[in-house]
Amino acid sequence: MIAIVLWRVSPELRSDDYQAELAGEIVDAHLRSLQPGHMTGIASNDERVIKGWFDAKVKFALPIRDFAGAGFVLNGGRVDVVEGRSVAVLVYKHNGHPIDVFMWATQEPDTSPRTGSRQGFQWVDWRKDKMEFCAVSDAAPADLEQLNRLISG
């Protein structure tokens, strides 16, 4: 029992298996969101409207920005559950592909982006400024990496 608690709490004890499980859970959440009526809880490209909607639903500040000028159009957001915790999800569209960016607060240090694929979907995850991010889509990996750079600014 103690080993399980340490594994969940202590990042240095986590393995690549943990990252694969997390990516799998996020890909599954992305797949569920593709069902009709599940993509967004708030459908808008207005950053202020989306921020106001999230303010009542999550306990952390979100970096909400529309990158339409770079081809990543903000379509809205929703709240989802990953690892038993509520997470914010911003929904973008790029070249016809929906991209979900899952976000939650963390105390862990910043990390460089890591990429992977699962079930035909690409993902990139990273930590920056006490936030953890994971973008997932069937878009090209280079597109997700570009969105990572835009968000990380």
Protein backbone atom coordinates (compact mmCIF):
# COMPACT_ATOMS: atom_id res chain seq x y z
CA MET A 1 0.00 0.00 0.00
CA ILE A 2 2.78 2.45 0.88
CA ALA A 3 4.51 1.73 -2.44
CA ILE A 4 1.33 2.63 -4.35
CA VAL A 5 0.95 5.91 -2.46
CA LEU A 6 4.61 6.81 -3.05
CA TRP A 7 4.30 5.94 -6.74
CA ARG A 8 1.25 8.21 -7.13
CA VAL A 9 2.72 11.08 -5.11
CA SER A 10 6.41 11.01 -5.92
CA PRO A 11 7.25 11.87 -9.55
CA GLU A 12 10.79 10.53 -9.35
CA LEU A 13 9.37 7.07 -8.62
CA ARG A 14 7.14 7.14 -11.69
CA SER A 15 8.13 5.23 -14.80
CA ASP A 16 7.36 5.51 -18.47
CA ASP A 17 4.46 3.14 -17.72
CA TYR A 18 2.87 5.91 -15.67
CA GLN A 19 3.22 8.35 -18.57
CA ALA A 20 1.74 5.78 -20.96
CA GLU A 21 -1.23 5.25 -18.62
CA LEU A 22 -1.80 9.01 -18.33
CA ALA A 23 -1.58 9.43 -22.12
CA GLY A 24 -4.01 6.55 -22.55
CA GLU A 25 -6.51 8.15 -20.18
CA ILE A 26 -6.21 11.49 -21.98
CA VAL A 27 -6.62 9.88 -25.41
CA ASP A 28 -9.71 8.06 -24.11
CA ALA A 29 -11.13 11.38 -22.86
CA HIS A 30 -10.41 12.93 -26.26
CA LEU A 31 -12.23 10.05 -27.98
CA ARG A 32 -15.28 10.54 -25.71
CA SER A 33 -15.27 14.26 -26.57
CA LEU A 34 -15.60 13.44 -30.27
CA GLN A 35 -19.08 12.04 -29.66
CA PRO A 36 -21.86 14.45 -30.72
CA GLY A 37 -22.55 17.05 -28.03
CA HIS A 38 -19.45 16.30 -25.93
CA MET A 39 -16.76 18.50 -27.52
CA THR A 40 -17.36 21.62 -25.44
CA GLY A 41 -19.15 22.72 -22.29
CA ILE A 42 -18.80 26.29 -23.55
CA ALA A 43 -18.63 26.93 -27.29
CA SER A 44 -16.96 30.26 -27.98
CA ASN A 45 -13.79 31.77 -29.39
CA ASP A 46 -13.99 34.71 -26.97
CA GLU A 47 -11.20 34.28 -24.41
CA ARG A 48 -13.05 36.31 -21.75
CA VAL A 49 -16.25 34.28 -22.09
CA ILE A 50 -14.34 31.01 -21.79
CA LYS A 51 -12.31 32.30 -18.82
CA GLY A 52 -15.50 33.35 -17.02
CA TRP A 53 -17.06 29.96 -17.63
CA PHE A 54 -13.98 28.15 -16.24
CA ASP A 55 -13.65 30.49 -13.22
CA ALA A 56 -16.72 28.88 -11.67
CA LYS A 57 -15.53 25.34 -12.43
CA VAL A 58 -11.80 24.98 -11.72
CA LYS A 59 -9.63 26.27 -8.88
CA PHE A 60 -6.65 27.45 -10.94
CA ALA A 61 -5.98 30.22 -13.45
CA LEU A 62 -5.87 29.16 -17.09
CA PRO A 63 -3.77 30.57 -19.92
CA ILE A 64 -6.63 30.98 -22.40
CA ARG A 65 -5.60 32.41 -25.76
CA ASP A 66 -6.90 32.19 -29.30
CA PHE A 67 -4.17 31.53 -31.87
CA ALA A 68 -6.37 31.96 -34.95
CA GLY A 69 -3.64 34.07 -36.60
CA ALA A 70 -1.39 30.99 -36.48
CA GLY A 71 -4.17 28.66 -37.66
CA PHE A 72 -5.26 27.36 -34.24
CA VAL A 73 -8.80 28.61 -33.70
CA LEU A 74 -10.15 28.49 -30.15
CA ASN A 75 -13.54 26.73 -30.21
CA GLY A 76 -14.35 26.57 -26.51
CA GLY A 77 -13.65 24.44 -23.50
CA ARG A 78 -14.96 21.85 -21.12
CA VAL A 79 -14.16 20.21 -17.80
CA ASP A 80 -13.10 16.57 -17.90
CA VAL A 81 -11.78 14.06 -15.38
CA VAL A 82 -8.25 12.63 -15.61
CA GLU A 83 -6.77 10.49 -12.84
CA GLY A 84 -9.82 11.23 -10.72
CA ARG A 85 -9.32 15.01 -10.77
CA SER A 86 -11.15 17.74 -12.65
CA VAL A 87 -9.07 19.21 -15.46
CA ALA A 88 -9.73 22.06 -17.84
CA VAL A 89 -9.73 21.33 -21.56
CA LEU A 90 -9.37 24.01 -24.20
CA VAL A 91 -10.62 22.97 -27.63
CA TYR A 92 -8.87 24.24 -30.73
CA LYS A 93 -9.38 23.48 -34.40
CA HIS A 94 -6.48 23.35 -36.86
CA ASN A 95 -6.87 22.39 -40.53
CA GLY A 96 -10.16 20.69 -39.72
CA HIS A 97 -8.73 18.67 -36.81
CA PRO A 98 -10.00 19.18 -33.25
CA ILE A 99 -7.21 19.50 -30.71
CA ASP A 100 -7.88 19.11 -27.00
CA VAL A 101 -5.44 20.75 -24.60
CA PHE A 102 -5.85 19.27 -21.12
CA MET A 103 -4.56 21.47 -18.27
CA TRP A 104 -4.24 21.19 -14.52
CA ALA A 105 -2.23 22.75 -11.72
CA THR A 106 0.92 21.00 -10.53
CA GLN A 107 3.72 21.58 -8.06
CA GLU A 108 6.19 19.68 -10.21
CA PRO A 109 8.98 21.48 -12.12
CA ASP A 110 8.80 22.58 -15.75
CA THR A 111 9.59 19.91 -18.35
CA SER A 112 10.41 19.88 -22.01
CA PRO A 113 7.71 18.58 -24.35
CA ARG A 114 7.40 14.82 -24.75
CA THR A 115 5.50 13.31 -27.63
CA GLY A 116 3.84 10.02 -28.35
CA SER A 117 0.97 8.34 -30.12
CA ARG A 118 -1.81 6.01 -29.10
CA GLN A 119 -4.77 4.59 -31.02
CA GLY A 120 -3.98 6.76 -34.04
CA PHE A 121 -3.82 9.98 -32.01
CA GLN A 122 -0.74 12.08 -31.34
CA TRP A 123 -0.03 13.75 -28.01
CA VAL A 124 2.47 16.17 -26.58
CA ASP A 125 2.75 16.92 -22.88
CA TRP A 126 4.80 19.43 -20.90
CA ARG A 127 4.86 21.41 -17.67
CA LYS A 128 5.31 25.16 -17.46
CA ASP A 129 4.69 27.73 -14.73
CA LYS A 130 3.06 25.29 -12.29
CA MET A 131 0.69 23.95 -14.96
CA GLU A 132 0.69 20.59 -16.70
CA PHE A 133 -0.50 20.43 -20.30
CA CYS A 134 -1.29 17.60 -22.68
CA ALA A 135 -2.47 18.30 -26.23
CA VAL A 136 -4.02 15.41 -28.16
CA SER A 137 -5.39 15.13 -31.69
CA ASP A 138 -5.27 13.21 -34.93
CA ALA A 139 -3.43 16.24 -36.37
CA ALA A 140 0.20 15.94 -37.43
CA PRO A 141 2.76 15.81 -34.60
CA ALA A 142 4.38 19.01 -35.95
CA ASP A 143 1.03 20.79 -35.50
CA LEU A 144 0.84 19.77 -31.84
CA GLU A 145 4.44 20.87 -31.33
CA GLN A 146 3.60 24.25 -32.88
CA LEU A 147 0.61 24.65 -30.54
CA ASN A 148 2.89 23.74 -27.62
CA ARG A 149 5.25 26.57 -28.61
CA LEU A 150 2.35 29.03 -28.92
CA ILE A 151 0.91 28.13 -25.51
CA SER A 152 4.31 28.12 -23.82
CA GLY A 153 5.10 31.46 -25.46
